[in-house]
């Protein structure tokens, strides 16, 4: 299976609290949750629905898993008009959660990965199928990128600057070059960019000593 990630972020890179009000929105004093609700047009909503429909399985970090289980895991189709494909995919496809602390998953179809995570994910990727998808799960996404386990990275960028909140990529961390595979912008200014990791970036060479200086 190809491992793909999808993350909604703001212009300044914040991914925290994109949906409804929850404890996730308020971590560390964050008070600006729900910034992505209603922002995309029908084409962006269709793209998200189609992405979830493609999944053969889902992989989550613990925090995102608990948020999804408490919401999508308890909903019926009539509760999510326009998002039925997302709800059906999440409730019918296998789910894996990377956690050393979660003991009772509660959401049917869930397997907890608590041992050697790199080996477990490599084994999942070796299985037949199309996509193993990661949604949200910022800590897990960064770990997967650092361990070269991500095949495609999708960013849905909402045209808003929050000025606070947990960011997908912190101020310091590993570097990574990306190859653009697809890019689109909807009628509300939401951009969707699909990238393939492409190794280390290239940087300008360090300048040597000034060779124009003459000796006296």
N, C-alpha and C. Protein backbone atom coordinates (compact mmCIF):
# COMPACT_ATOMS: atom_id res chain seq x y z
N UNK A 1 0.84 -1.20 0.00
CA UNK A 1 0.00 0.00 0.00
C UNK A 1 0.87 1.25 0.00
N UNK A 2 0.40 2.24 -0.70
CA UNK A 2 1.05 3.55 -0.68
C UNK A 2 0.61 4.29 0.56
N UNK A 3 1.56 4.86 1.31
CA UNK A 3 1.22 5.63 2.51
C UNK A 3 1.08 7.10 2.13
N UNK A 4 -0.10 7.65 2.36
CA UNK A 4 -0.37 9.05 2.03
C UNK A 4 -0.86 9.78 3.28
N UNK A 5 -0.58 11.07 3.33
CA UNK A 5 -1.05 11.89 4.44
C UNK A 5 -1.89 13.05 3.90
N UNK A 6 -2.86 13.49 4.69
CA UNK A 6 -3.66 14.66 4.33
C UNK A 6 -3.84 15.51 5.59
N UNK A 7 -3.50 16.80 5.47
CA UNK A 7 -3.56 17.69 6.62
C UNK A 7 -4.14 19.03 6.19
N UNK A 8 -5.08 19.54 6.98
CA UNK A 8 -5.57 20.90 6.79
C UNK A 8 -4.72 21.85 7.62
N UNK A 9 -4.20 22.89 6.98
CA UNK A 9 -3.35 23.85 7.67
C UNK A 9 -3.76 25.27 7.29
N UNK A 10 -3.39 26.22 8.14
CA UNK A 10 -3.60 27.64 7.84
C UNK A 10 -2.41 28.16 7.04
N UNK A 11 -2.50 29.42 6.61
CA UNK A 11 -1.38 30.03 5.90
C UNK A 11 -0.11 30.01 6.76
N UNK A 12 -0.26 30.20 8.08
CA UNK A 12 0.92 30.17 8.95
C UNK A 12 1.19 28.78 9.52
N UNK A 13 0.64 27.75 8.89
CA UNK A 13 1.03 26.38 9.19
C UNK A 13 0.35 25.72 10.36
N UNK A 14 -0.65 26.37 10.98
CA UNK A 14 -1.33 25.79 12.14
C UNK A 14 -2.26 24.67 11.69
N UNK A 15 -2.26 23.57 12.42
CA UNK A 15 -3.17 22.46 12.12
C UNK A 15 -4.11 22.18 13.29
N UNK A 16 -3.90 22.81 14.42
CA UNK A 16 -4.69 22.54 15.62
C UNK A 16 -6.12 23.05 15.50
N UNK A 17 -7.07 22.23 15.92
CA UNK A 17 -8.45 22.68 16.08
C UNK A 17 -9.12 23.13 14.80
N UNK A 18 -8.91 22.42 13.70
CA UNK A 18 -9.52 22.86 12.43
C UNK A 18 -11.03 22.66 12.39
N UNK A 19 -11.57 21.74 13.19
CA UNK A 19 -12.98 21.42 13.10
C UNK A 19 -13.83 22.07 14.17
N UNK A 20 -14.63 21.26 14.85
CA UNK A 20 -15.57 21.78 15.84
C UNK A 20 -14.87 22.03 17.17
N UNK A 21 -15.55 22.72 18.07
CA UNK A 21 -14.98 22.99 19.39
C UNK A 21 -14.78 21.69 20.15
N UNK A 22 -13.61 21.54 20.74
CA UNK A 22 -13.29 20.33 21.49
C UNK A 22 -12.12 20.64 22.42
N UNK A 23 -11.76 19.65 23.24
CA UNK A 23 -10.59 19.84 24.09
C UNK A 23 -9.35 20.05 23.25
N UNK A 24 -9.29 19.45 22.06
CA UNK A 24 -8.16 19.64 21.16
C UNK A 24 -8.02 21.11 20.80
N UNK A 25 -9.14 21.81 20.58
CA UNK A 25 -9.10 23.22 20.22
C UNK A 25 -8.47 24.07 21.31
N UNK A 26 -8.62 23.64 22.55
CA UNK A 26 -8.23 24.49 23.66
C UNK A 26 -6.91 24.11 24.32
N UNK A 27 -6.20 23.14 23.77
CA UNK A 27 -4.91 22.78 24.35
C UNK A 27 -3.96 23.98 24.35
N UNK A 28 -3.25 24.14 25.44
CA UNK A 28 -2.23 25.19 25.58
C UNK A 28 -2.82 26.59 25.40
N UNK A 29 -4.08 26.77 25.80
CA UNK A 29 -4.69 28.09 25.73
C UNK A 29 -5.18 28.49 24.35
N UNK A 30 -5.23 27.56 23.41
CA UNK A 30 -5.68 27.87 22.05
C UNK A 30 -7.19 28.12 22.05
N UNK A 31 -7.63 29.23 21.45
CA UNK A 31 -9.03 29.62 21.49
C UNK A 31 -9.62 29.90 20.11
N UNK A 32 -8.96 29.44 19.07
CA UNK A 32 -9.39 29.80 17.71
C UNK A 32 -9.75 28.56 16.88
N UNK A 33 -10.40 27.60 17.52
CA UNK A 33 -10.77 26.37 16.83
C UNK A 33 -11.89 26.56 15.84
N UNK A 34 -12.00 25.62 14.92
CA UNK A 34 -13.06 25.64 13.92
C UNK A 34 -12.76 26.50 12.71
N UNK A 35 -11.50 26.83 12.48
CA UNK A 35 -11.13 27.76 11.41
C UNK A 35 -11.31 27.19 10.00
N UNK A 36 -11.46 25.89 9.86
CA UNK A 36 -11.61 25.30 8.53
C UNK A 36 -13.07 25.02 8.16
N UNK A 37 -13.98 25.17 9.09
CA UNK A 37 -15.38 24.80 8.83
C UNK A 37 -15.99 25.72 7.79
N UNK A 38 -16.56 25.09 6.74
CA UNK A 38 -17.26 25.83 5.70
C UNK A 38 -16.38 26.62 4.76
N UNK A 39 -15.06 26.42 4.83
CA UNK A 39 -14.16 27.24 4.02
C UNK A 39 -14.02 26.76 2.58
N UNK A 40 -14.05 25.46 2.34
CA UNK A 40 -13.89 24.95 0.98
C UNK A 40 -15.18 24.95 0.20
N UNK A 41 -15.08 24.98 -1.14
CA UNK A 41 -16.28 24.92 -1.97
C UNK A 41 -16.63 23.46 -2.28
N UNK A 42 -17.61 23.24 -3.16
CA UNK A 42 -18.08 21.88 -3.41
C UNK A 42 -17.00 21.01 -4.05
N UNK A 43 -16.08 21.62 -4.83
CA UNK A 43 -15.02 20.83 -5.45
C UNK A 43 -14.02 20.34 -4.40
N UNK A 44 -13.72 21.18 -3.42
CA UNK A 44 -12.82 20.75 -2.35
C UNK A 44 -13.47 19.68 -1.50
N UNK A 45 -14.76 19.83 -1.19
CA UNK A 45 -15.46 18.80 -0.43
C UNK A 45 -15.48 17.48 -1.20
N UNK A 46 -15.67 17.55 -2.52
CA UNK A 46 -15.66 16.34 -3.34
C UNK A 46 -14.28 15.69 -3.33
N UNK A 47 -13.22 16.50 -3.37
CA UNK A 47 -11.86 15.97 -3.33
C UNK A 47 -11.62 15.22 -2.03
N UNK A 48 -12.05 15.80 -0.90
CA UNK A 48 -11.85 15.15 0.39
C UNK A 48 -12.65 13.85 0.47
N UNK A 49 -13.91 13.89 0.03
CA UNK A 49 -14.73 12.67 0.03
C UNK A 49 -14.09 11.58 -0.82
N UNK A 50 -13.62 11.94 -2.01
CA UNK A 50 -13.01 10.96 -2.91
C UNK A 50 -11.73 10.39 -2.32
N UNK A 51 -10.97 11.23 -1.62
CA UNK A 51 -9.73 10.75 -0.99
C UNK A 51 -10.04 9.68 0.04
N UNK A 52 -10.99 9.94 0.93
CA UNK A 52 -11.35 8.94 1.94
C UNK A 52 -11.87 7.66 1.29
N UNK A 53 -12.62 7.78 0.20
CA UNK A 53 -13.15 6.60 -0.47
C UNK A 53 -12.04 5.72 -1.03
N UNK A 54 -10.90 6.32 -1.38
CA UNK A 54 -9.78 5.55 -1.94
C UNK A 54 -9.06 4.70 -0.91
N UNK A 55 -9.21 5.03 0.36
CA UNK A 55 -8.42 4.38 1.41
C UNK A 55 -8.73 2.90 1.53
N UNK A 56 -7.68 2.10 1.67
CA UNK A 56 -7.84 0.70 2.03
C UNK A 56 -7.75 0.52 3.53
N UNK A 57 -7.06 1.46 4.20
CA UNK A 57 -6.92 1.44 5.65
C UNK A 57 -6.48 2.82 6.11
N UNK A 58 -6.64 3.08 7.40
CA UNK A 58 -6.27 4.37 7.98
C UNK A 58 -5.26 4.15 9.10
N UNK A 59 -4.35 5.11 9.24
CA UNK A 59 -3.35 5.09 10.30
C UNK A 59 -3.43 6.42 11.04
N UNK A 60 -3.52 6.38 12.36
CA UNK A 60 -3.68 7.59 13.17
C UNK A 60 -2.66 7.64 14.29
N UNK A 61 -2.33 8.86 14.71
CA UNK A 61 -1.72 9.05 16.01
C UNK A 61 -2.81 8.97 17.07
N UNK A 62 -2.42 8.81 18.33
CA UNK A 62 -3.41 8.56 19.38
C UNK A 62 -4.40 9.71 19.53
N UNK A 63 -3.91 10.95 19.55
CA UNK A 63 -4.81 12.08 19.80
C UNK A 63 -5.85 12.23 18.68
N UNK A 64 -5.39 12.17 17.43
CA UNK A 64 -6.34 12.27 16.32
C UNK A 64 -7.30 11.09 16.31
N UNK A 65 -6.80 9.90 16.62
CA UNK A 65 -7.68 8.73 16.67
C UNK A 65 -8.80 8.94 17.68
N UNK A 66 -8.47 9.43 18.86
CA UNK A 66 -9.50 9.62 19.88
C UNK A 66 -10.52 10.67 19.45
N UNK A 67 -10.07 11.72 18.78
CA UNK A 67 -11.00 12.74 18.28
C UNK A 67 -11.93 12.16 17.21
N UNK A 68 -11.36 11.38 16.29
CA UNK A 68 -12.16 10.79 15.22
C UNK A 68 -13.13 9.75 15.78
N UNK A 69 -12.66 8.93 16.73
CA UNK A 69 -13.52 7.90 17.30
C UNK A 69 -14.71 8.51 18.02
N UNK A 70 -14.47 9.64 18.72
CA UNK A 70 -15.55 10.29 19.46
C UNK A 70 -16.54 10.99 18.56
N UNK A 71 -16.12 11.32 17.34
CA UNK A 71 -17.03 12.02 16.42
C UNK A 71 -17.50 11.08 15.32
N UNK A 72 -16.64 10.79 14.35
CA UNK A 72 -17.04 9.94 13.22
C UNK A 72 -17.46 8.56 13.67
N UNK A 73 -16.86 8.06 14.73
CA UNK A 73 -17.18 6.71 15.19
C UNK A 73 -18.54 6.58 15.83
N UNK A 74 -19.19 7.70 16.12
CA UNK A 74 -20.50 7.65 16.78
C UNK A 74 -21.61 8.24 15.91
N UNK A 75 -21.30 8.54 14.65
CA UNK A 75 -22.27 9.20 13.78
C UNK A 75 -22.91 8.24 12.81
N UNK A 76 -24.08 8.62 12.34
CA UNK A 76 -24.77 7.91 11.26
C UNK A 76 -24.79 8.81 10.04
N UNK A 77 -25.14 8.23 8.88
CA UNK A 77 -25.10 8.98 7.63
C UNK A 77 -25.94 10.25 7.69
N UNK A 78 -27.10 10.17 8.34
CA UNK A 78 -28.00 11.33 8.39
C UNK A 78 -27.42 12.46 9.25
N UNK A 79 -26.39 12.16 10.05
CA UNK A 79 -25.79 13.18 10.90
C UNK A 79 -24.76 14.03 10.16
N UNK A 80 -24.31 13.58 9.00
CA UNK A 80 -23.22 14.26 8.30
C UNK A 80 -23.57 14.49 6.84
N UNK A 81 -24.61 15.27 6.55
CA UNK A 81 -24.99 15.49 5.15
C UNK A 81 -23.84 16.07 4.34
N UNK A 82 -23.56 15.43 3.22
CA UNK A 82 -22.46 15.85 2.36
C UNK A 82 -21.15 15.16 2.65
N UNK A 83 -21.05 14.52 3.83
CA UNK A 83 -19.81 13.85 4.22
C UNK A 83 -20.03 12.36 4.45
N UNK A 84 -21.08 11.80 3.86
CA UNK A 84 -21.37 10.37 4.05
C UNK A 84 -20.21 9.47 3.61
N UNK A 85 -19.51 9.76 2.49
CA UNK A 85 -18.39 8.88 2.10
C UNK A 85 -17.28 8.82 3.14
N UNK A 86 -17.02 9.95 3.80
CA UNK A 86 -16.01 9.97 4.85
C UNK A 86 -16.45 9.09 6.02
N UNK A 87 -17.68 9.27 6.45
CA UNK A 87 -18.20 8.50 7.57
C UNK A 87 -18.18 7.00 7.27
N UNK A 88 -18.61 6.61 6.07
CA UNK A 88 -18.65 5.19 5.73
C UNK A 88 -17.24 4.60 5.67
N UNK A 89 -16.30 5.33 5.07
CA UNK A 89 -14.94 4.82 4.96
C UNK A 89 -14.32 4.61 6.33
N UNK A 90 -14.47 5.59 7.20
CA UNK A 90 -13.86 5.50 8.52
C UNK A 90 -14.46 4.38 9.37
N UNK A 91 -15.71 4.08 9.16
CA UNK A 91 -16.37 3.07 9.98
C UNK A 91 -16.32 1.67 9.39
N UNK A 92 -15.87 1.53 8.14
CA UNK A 92 -15.85 0.20 7.53
C UNK A 92 -14.45 -0.29 7.17
N UNK A 93 -13.48 0.60 7.06
CA UNK A 93 -12.13 0.18 6.68
C UNK A 93 -11.28 -0.06 7.93
N UNK A 94 -10.26 -0.90 7.81
CA UNK A 94 -9.38 -1.15 8.97
C UNK A 94 -8.71 0.14 9.44
N UNK A 95 -8.56 0.25 10.73
CA UNK A 95 -7.92 1.43 11.34
C UNK A 95 -6.77 0.96 12.23
N UNK A 96 -5.66 1.68 12.14
CA UNK A 96 -4.49 1.39 12.95
C UNK A 96 -4.11 2.66 13.70
N UNK A 97 -3.75 2.52 14.97
CA UNK A 97 -3.39 3.67 15.77
C UNK A 97 -2.03 3.41 16.42
N UNK A 98 -1.12 4.36 16.22
CA UNK A 98 0.22 4.25 16.80
C UNK A 98 0.19 4.81 18.21
N UNK A 99 0.32 3.95 19.20
CA UNK A 99 0.24 4.40 20.59
C UNK A 99 0.85 3.37 21.53
N UNK A 100 1.60 3.86 22.51
CA UNK A 100 2.11 2.99 23.55
C UNK A 100 1.27 3.08 24.83
N UNK A 101 0.24 3.95 24.81
CA UNK A 101 -0.56 4.16 26.02
C UNK A 101 -2.01 3.73 25.84
N UNK A 102 -2.49 3.62 24.61
CA UNK A 102 -3.89 3.25 24.37
C UNK A 102 -4.07 1.76 24.61
N UNK A 103 -5.00 1.42 25.46
CA UNK A 103 -5.23 0.01 25.78
C UNK A 103 -6.58 -0.49 25.26
N UNK A 104 -7.58 0.37 25.25
CA UNK A 104 -8.92 -0.02 24.80
C UNK A 104 -9.32 0.90 23.67
N UNK A 105 -9.26 0.40 22.42
CA UNK A 105 -9.53 1.26 21.27
C UNK A 105 -11.00 1.67 21.21
N UNK A 106 -11.92 0.75 21.46
CA UNK A 106 -13.34 1.09 21.49
C UNK A 106 -13.99 1.20 20.13
N UNK A 107 -13.26 1.63 19.11
CA UNK A 107 -13.83 1.81 17.77
C UNK A 107 -13.64 0.52 17.00
N UNK A 108 -14.72 -0.15 16.58
CA UNK A 108 -14.59 -1.44 15.87
C UNK A 108 -13.69 -1.32 14.65
N UNK A 109 -12.90 -2.37 14.43
CA UNK A 109 -12.01 -2.39 13.29
C UNK A 109 -10.65 -1.77 13.54
N UNK A 110 -10.33 -1.52 14.81
CA UNK A 110 -9.08 -0.85 15.17
C UNK A 110 -8.04 -1.83 15.69
N UNK A 111 -6.79 -1.63 15.25
CA UNK A 111 -5.64 -2.36 15.76
C UNK A 111 -4.65 -1.35 16.32
N UNK A 112 -4.21 -1.57 17.56
CA UNK A 112 -3.23 -0.68 18.19
C UNK A 112 -1.82 -1.17 17.86
N UNK A 113 -0.98 -0.28 17.35
CA UNK A 113 0.42 -0.58 17.06
C UNK A 113 1.26 -0.03 18.20
N UNK A 114 1.71 -0.87 19.09
CA UNK A 114 2.40 -0.41 20.28
C UNK A 114 3.85 -0.87 20.35
N UNK A 115 4.29 -1.66 19.40
CA UNK A 115 5.65 -2.18 19.42
C UNK A 115 6.58 -1.37 18.53
N UNK A 116 7.36 -2.07 17.71
CA UNK A 116 8.29 -1.44 16.77
C UNK A 116 7.48 -0.81 15.65
N UNK A 117 7.28 0.52 15.73
CA UNK A 117 6.37 1.18 14.81
C UNK A 117 6.88 1.15 13.37
N UNK A 118 8.17 1.36 13.17
CA UNK A 118 8.71 1.38 11.81
C UNK A 118 8.49 0.03 11.13
N UNK A 119 8.72 -1.06 11.85
CA UNK A 119 8.52 -2.39 11.28
C UNK A 119 7.04 -2.65 11.02
N UNK A 120 6.18 -2.24 11.97
CA UNK A 120 4.74 -2.46 11.81
C UNK A 120 4.21 -1.73 10.59
N UNK A 121 4.64 -0.49 10.38
CA UNK A 121 4.16 0.28 9.24
C UNK A 121 4.74 -0.27 7.94
N UNK A 122 6.00 -0.68 7.95
CA UNK A 122 6.57 -1.31 6.76
C UNK A 122 5.79 -2.56 6.39
N UNK A 123 5.37 -3.33 7.39
CA UNK A 123 4.57 -4.53 7.12
C UNK A 123 3.22 -4.16 6.53
N UNK A 124 2.59 -3.08 7.03
CA UNK A 124 1.32 -2.64 6.48
C UNK A 124 1.48 -2.21 5.03
N UNK A 125 2.54 -1.46 4.75
CA UNK A 125 2.77 -1.00 3.38
C UNK A 125 3.03 -2.15 2.42
N UNK A 126 3.54 -3.26 2.94
CA UNK A 126 3.84 -4.42 2.09
C UNK A 126 2.60 -5.21 1.73
N UNK A 127 1.48 -4.93 2.41
CA UNK A 127 0.25 -5.64 2.12
C UNK A 127 -0.33 -5.17 0.79
N UNK A 128 -1.08 -6.04 0.09
CA UNK A 128 -1.72 -5.61 -1.15
C UNK A 128 -2.79 -4.56 -0.87
N UNK A 129 -2.96 -3.65 -1.79
CA UNK A 129 -3.97 -2.60 -1.62
C UNK A 129 -3.53 -1.31 -2.26
N UNK A 130 -4.35 -0.29 -2.12
CA UNK A 130 -4.06 0.99 -2.74
C UNK A 130 -3.41 1.98 -1.81
N UNK A 131 -4.14 2.40 -0.75
CA UNK A 131 -3.63 3.46 0.11
C UNK A 131 -3.84 3.16 1.59
N UNK A 132 -2.80 3.46 2.34
CA UNK A 132 -2.85 3.54 3.80
C UNK A 132 -2.79 5.04 4.11
N UNK A 133 -3.90 5.61 4.60
CA UNK A 133 -4.03 7.06 4.73
C UNK A 133 -3.85 7.52 6.18
N UNK A 134 -3.15 8.66 6.32
CA UNK A 134 -2.98 9.33 7.60
C UNK A 134 -3.67 10.68 7.50
N UNK A 135 -4.59 10.96 8.41
CA UNK A 135 -5.29 12.25 8.43
C UNK A 135 -4.97 12.95 9.75
N UNK A 136 -4.67 14.26 9.66
CA UNK A 136 -4.27 14.98 10.87
C UNK A 136 -2.99 14.38 11.43
N UNK A 137 -2.99 14.05 12.74
CA UNK A 137 -1.89 13.29 13.34
C UNK A 137 -0.53 13.93 13.06
N UNK A 138 -0.36 15.19 13.51
CA UNK A 138 0.84 15.94 13.18
C UNK A 138 2.13 15.29 13.67
N UNK A 139 2.17 14.82 14.92
CA UNK A 139 3.38 14.20 15.44
C UNK A 139 3.73 12.95 14.64
N UNK A 140 2.72 12.14 14.34
CA UNK A 140 2.94 10.92 13.56
C UNK A 140 3.41 11.27 12.15
N UNK A 141 2.79 12.26 11.52
CA UNK A 141 3.17 12.65 10.17
C UNK A 141 4.64 13.07 10.12
N UNK A 142 5.07 13.88 11.07
CA UNK A 142 6.48 14.30 11.09
C UNK A 142 7.39 13.09 11.27
N UNK A 143 7.01 12.17 12.15
CA UNK A 143 7.82 10.97 12.38
C UNK A 143 7.91 10.12 11.10
N UNK A 144 6.80 9.96 10.42
CA UNK A 144 6.78 9.17 9.18
C UNK A 144 7.66 9.80 8.11
N UNK A 145 7.62 11.14 8.00
CA UNK A 145 8.47 11.82 7.03
C UNK A 145 9.94 11.64 7.36
N UNK A 146 10.28 11.78 8.64
CA UNK A 146 11.67 11.64 9.06
C UNK A 146 12.20 10.22 8.80
N UNK A 147 11.30 9.24 8.84
CA UNK A 147 11.70 7.84 8.62
C UNK A 147 11.45 7.39 7.18
N UNK A 148 11.18 8.35 6.29
CA UNK A 148 11.03 8.09 4.85
C UNK A 148 9.97 7.03 4.57
N UNK A 149 8.86 7.12 5.27
CA UNK A 149 7.76 6.16 5.08
C UNK A 149 6.58 6.76 4.33
N UNK A 150 6.62 8.05 4.02
CA UNK A 150 5.51 8.73 3.34
C UNK A 150 5.76 8.71 1.83
N UNK A 151 4.73 8.31 1.07
CA UNK A 151 4.82 8.33 -0.39
C UNK A 151 4.23 9.59 -0.99
N UNK A 152 3.16 10.10 -0.39
CA UNK A 152 2.56 11.36 -0.85
C UNK A 152 2.05 12.16 0.33
N UNK A 153 2.18 13.48 0.23
CA UNK A 153 1.78 14.40 1.29
C UNK A 153 0.82 15.41 0.68
N UNK A 154 -0.42 15.45 1.19
CA UNK A 154 -1.41 16.41 0.71
C UNK A 154 -1.66 17.48 1.77
N UNK A 155 -1.54 18.74 1.37
CA UNK A 155 -1.84 19.87 2.25
C UNK A 155 -3.05 20.61 1.70
N UNK A 156 -4.04 20.78 2.55
CA UNK A 156 -5.20 21.61 2.21
C UNK A 156 -5.03 22.90 2.99
N UNK A 157 -4.71 23.97 2.29
CA UNK A 157 -4.33 25.23 2.93
C UNK A 157 -5.52 26.18 2.94
N UNK A 158 -5.96 26.53 4.14
CA UNK A 158 -7.10 27.42 4.34
C UNK A 158 -6.59 28.86 4.41
N UNK A 159 -7.21 29.79 3.68
CA UNK A 159 -6.70 31.17 3.64
C UNK A 159 -7.03 31.96 4.91
N UNK A 160 -6.33 31.63 5.99
CA UNK A 160 -6.49 32.33 7.25
C UNK A 160 -5.17 32.28 7.99
N UNK A 161 -4.85 33.32 8.73
CA UNK A 161 -3.67 33.37 9.59
C UNK A 161 -4.15 33.44 11.03
N UNK A 162 -3.73 32.47 11.85
CA UNK A 162 -4.22 32.40 13.23
C UNK A 162 -3.29 33.07 14.23
N UNK A 163 -2.00 32.97 14.03
CA UNK A 163 -1.08 33.58 14.96
C UNK A 163 -0.87 32.80 16.25
N UNK A 164 -1.50 31.65 16.38
CA UNK A 164 -1.29 30.77 17.54
C UNK A 164 -1.72 29.37 17.16
N UNK A 165 -1.31 28.39 17.98
CA UNK A 165 -1.71 27.02 17.74
C UNK A 165 -0.56 26.13 17.31
N UNK A 166 -0.75 24.82 17.46
CA UNK A 166 0.26 23.84 17.09
C UNK A 166 0.39 23.78 15.57
N UNK A 167 1.61 23.82 15.09
CA UNK A 167 1.87 23.81 13.65
C UNK A 167 2.28 22.42 13.18
N UNK A 168 2.00 22.16 11.92
CA UNK A 168 2.38 20.86 11.37
C UNK A 168 3.89 20.70 11.42
N UNK A 169 4.63 21.75 11.02
CA UNK A 169 6.08 21.71 11.07
C UNK A 169 6.57 22.78 12.04
N UNK A 170 7.27 22.38 13.09
CA UNK A 170 7.73 23.33 14.10
C UNK A 170 8.84 24.22 13.55
N UNK A 171 9.27 25.17 14.36
CA UNK A 171 10.28 26.12 13.91
C UNK A 171 11.60 25.45 13.57
N UNK A 172 11.95 24.40 14.28
CA UNK A 172 13.15 23.64 13.97
C UNK A 172 12.78 22.17 13.80
N UNK A 173 13.48 21.51 12.89
CA UNK A 173 13.19 20.10 12.65
C UNK A 173 13.93 19.61 11.42
N UNK A 174 13.59 18.41 10.98
CA UNK A 174 14.23 17.82 9.81
C UNK A 174 13.85 18.60 8.55
N UNK A 175 14.76 18.60 7.57
CA UNK A 175 14.48 19.26 6.30
C UNK A 175 14.10 18.22 5.25
N UNK A 176 13.36 18.66 4.23
CA UNK A 176 12.83 17.73 3.23
C UNK A 176 12.48 18.49 1.96
N UNK A 177 12.96 18.00 0.84
CA UNK A 177 12.55 18.54 -0.46
C UNK A 177 11.26 17.86 -0.90
N UNK A 178 10.41 18.59 -1.62
CA UNK A 178 9.13 18.06 -2.07
C UNK A 178 8.97 18.29 -3.57
N UNK A 179 8.44 17.29 -4.24
CA UNK A 179 8.12 17.40 -5.67
C UNK A 179 6.61 17.56 -5.81
N UNK A 180 6.17 18.62 -6.48
CA UNK A 180 4.75 18.88 -6.65
C UNK A 180 4.14 17.94 -7.68
N UNK A 181 3.08 17.23 -7.27
CA UNK A 181 2.38 16.32 -8.17
C UNK A 181 1.07 16.90 -8.67
N UNK A 182 0.42 17.71 -7.84
CA UNK A 182 -0.89 18.26 -8.19
C UNK A 182 -1.12 19.53 -7.40
N UNK A 183 -1.77 20.51 -8.02
CA UNK A 183 -2.09 21.75 -7.32
C UNK A 183 -3.38 22.31 -7.88
N UNK A 184 -4.24 22.77 -6.99
CA UNK A 184 -5.50 23.38 -7.41
C UNK A 184 -5.93 24.41 -6.38
N UNK A 185 -6.74 25.35 -6.79
CA UNK A 185 -7.30 26.35 -5.88
C UNK A 185 -8.79 26.44 -6.15
N UNK A 186 -9.59 26.48 -5.08
CA UNK A 186 -11.03 26.52 -5.28
C UNK A 186 -11.55 27.95 -5.27
N UNK A 187 -12.85 28.09 -5.43
CA UNK A 187 -13.45 29.42 -5.57
C UNK A 187 -13.42 30.23 -4.28
N UNK A 188 -13.10 29.59 -3.16
CA UNK A 188 -13.01 30.28 -1.88
C UNK A 188 -11.57 30.53 -1.44
N UNK A 189 -10.62 30.23 -2.33
CA UNK A 189 -9.23 30.47 -2.02
C UNK A 189 -8.52 29.35 -1.29
N UNK A 190 -9.19 28.22 -1.10
CA UNK A 190 -8.55 27.06 -0.48
C UNK A 190 -7.67 26.38 -1.53
N UNK A 191 -6.42 26.11 -1.19
CA UNK A 191 -5.53 25.44 -2.11
C UNK A 191 -5.29 24.01 -1.67
N UNK A 192 -5.15 23.12 -2.65
CA UNK A 192 -4.82 21.72 -2.39
C UNK A 192 -3.54 21.43 -3.15
N UNK A 193 -2.55 20.96 -2.42
CA UNK A 193 -1.26 20.65 -3.02
C UNK A 193 -0.86 19.24 -2.62
N UNK A 194 -0.49 18.44 -3.63
CA UNK A 194 -0.07 17.06 -3.40
C UNK A 194 1.41 16.96 -3.75
N UNK A 195 2.21 16.49 -2.80
CA UNK A 195 3.65 16.43 -2.98
C UNK A 195 4.15 15.00 -2.83
N UNK A 196 5.32 14.76 -3.44
CA UNK A 196 6.06 13.53 -3.22
C UNK A 196 7.38 13.90 -2.54
N UNK A 197 7.72 13.27 -1.41
CA UNK A 197 9.02 13.55 -0.79
C UNK A 197 10.15 13.27 -1.78
N UNK A 198 11.14 14.17 -1.78
CA UNK A 198 12.21 14.09 -2.78
C UNK A 198 13.59 14.25 -2.14
N UNK A 199 13.79 13.67 -0.98
CA UNK A 199 15.10 13.70 -0.36
C UNK A 199 15.42 15.02 0.31
N UNK A 200 16.71 15.28 0.47
CA UNK A 200 17.17 16.51 1.12
C UNK A 200 17.11 17.67 0.14
N UNK A 201 16.79 18.87 0.62
CA UNK A 201 16.85 20.04 -0.26
C UNK A 201 18.28 20.36 -0.65
N UNK A 202 18.43 21.13 -1.73
CA UNK A 202 19.75 21.64 -2.11
C UNK A 202 19.86 23.07 -1.62
N UNK A 203 21.02 23.38 -1.06
CA UNK A 203 21.24 24.72 -0.53
C UNK A 203 22.38 25.39 -1.28
N UNK A 204 22.41 26.71 -1.21
CA UNK A 204 23.50 27.44 -1.83
C UNK A 204 24.81 27.07 -1.15
N UNK A 205 25.89 26.95 -1.91
CA UNK A 205 27.18 26.60 -1.30
C UNK A 205 27.66 27.70 -0.37
N UNK A 206 28.37 27.29 0.66
CA UNK A 206 28.94 28.26 1.58
C UNK A 206 30.02 29.06 0.88
N UNK A 207 29.96 30.37 1.00
CA UNK A 207 30.93 31.21 0.33
C UNK A 207 32.29 31.09 1.00
N UNK A 208 33.33 31.03 0.19
CA UNK A 208 34.68 30.96 0.70
C UNK A 208 35.22 32.34 1.02
N UNK A 209 36.48 32.44 1.37
CA UNK A 209 37.07 33.74 1.67
C UNK A 209 37.09 34.66 0.45
N UNK A 210 37.10 35.93 0.67
CA UNK A 210 37.12 36.91 -0.39
C UNK A 210 38.45 36.80 -1.16
N UNK A 211 38.35 36.31 -2.40
CA UNK A 211 39.56 36.08 -3.18
C UNK A 211 40.05 37.35 -3.89
N UNK A 212 39.31 38.44 -3.74
CA UNK A 212 39.74 39.67 -4.41
C UNK A 212 40.73 40.47 -3.57
N UNK A 213 40.88 40.07 -2.29
CA UNK A 213 41.80 40.81 -1.41
C UNK A 213 43.24 40.55 -1.84
N UNK A 214 44.00 41.61 -2.01
CA UNK A 214 45.41 41.48 -2.37
C UNK A 214 46.28 41.55 -1.15
N UNK A 215 47.37 40.81 -1.19
CA UNK A 215 48.30 40.82 -0.08
C UNK A 215 49.23 42.04 -0.19
N UNK A 216 49.63 42.65 0.91
CA UNK A 216 50.54 43.80 0.91
C UNK A 216 51.97 43.31 1.01
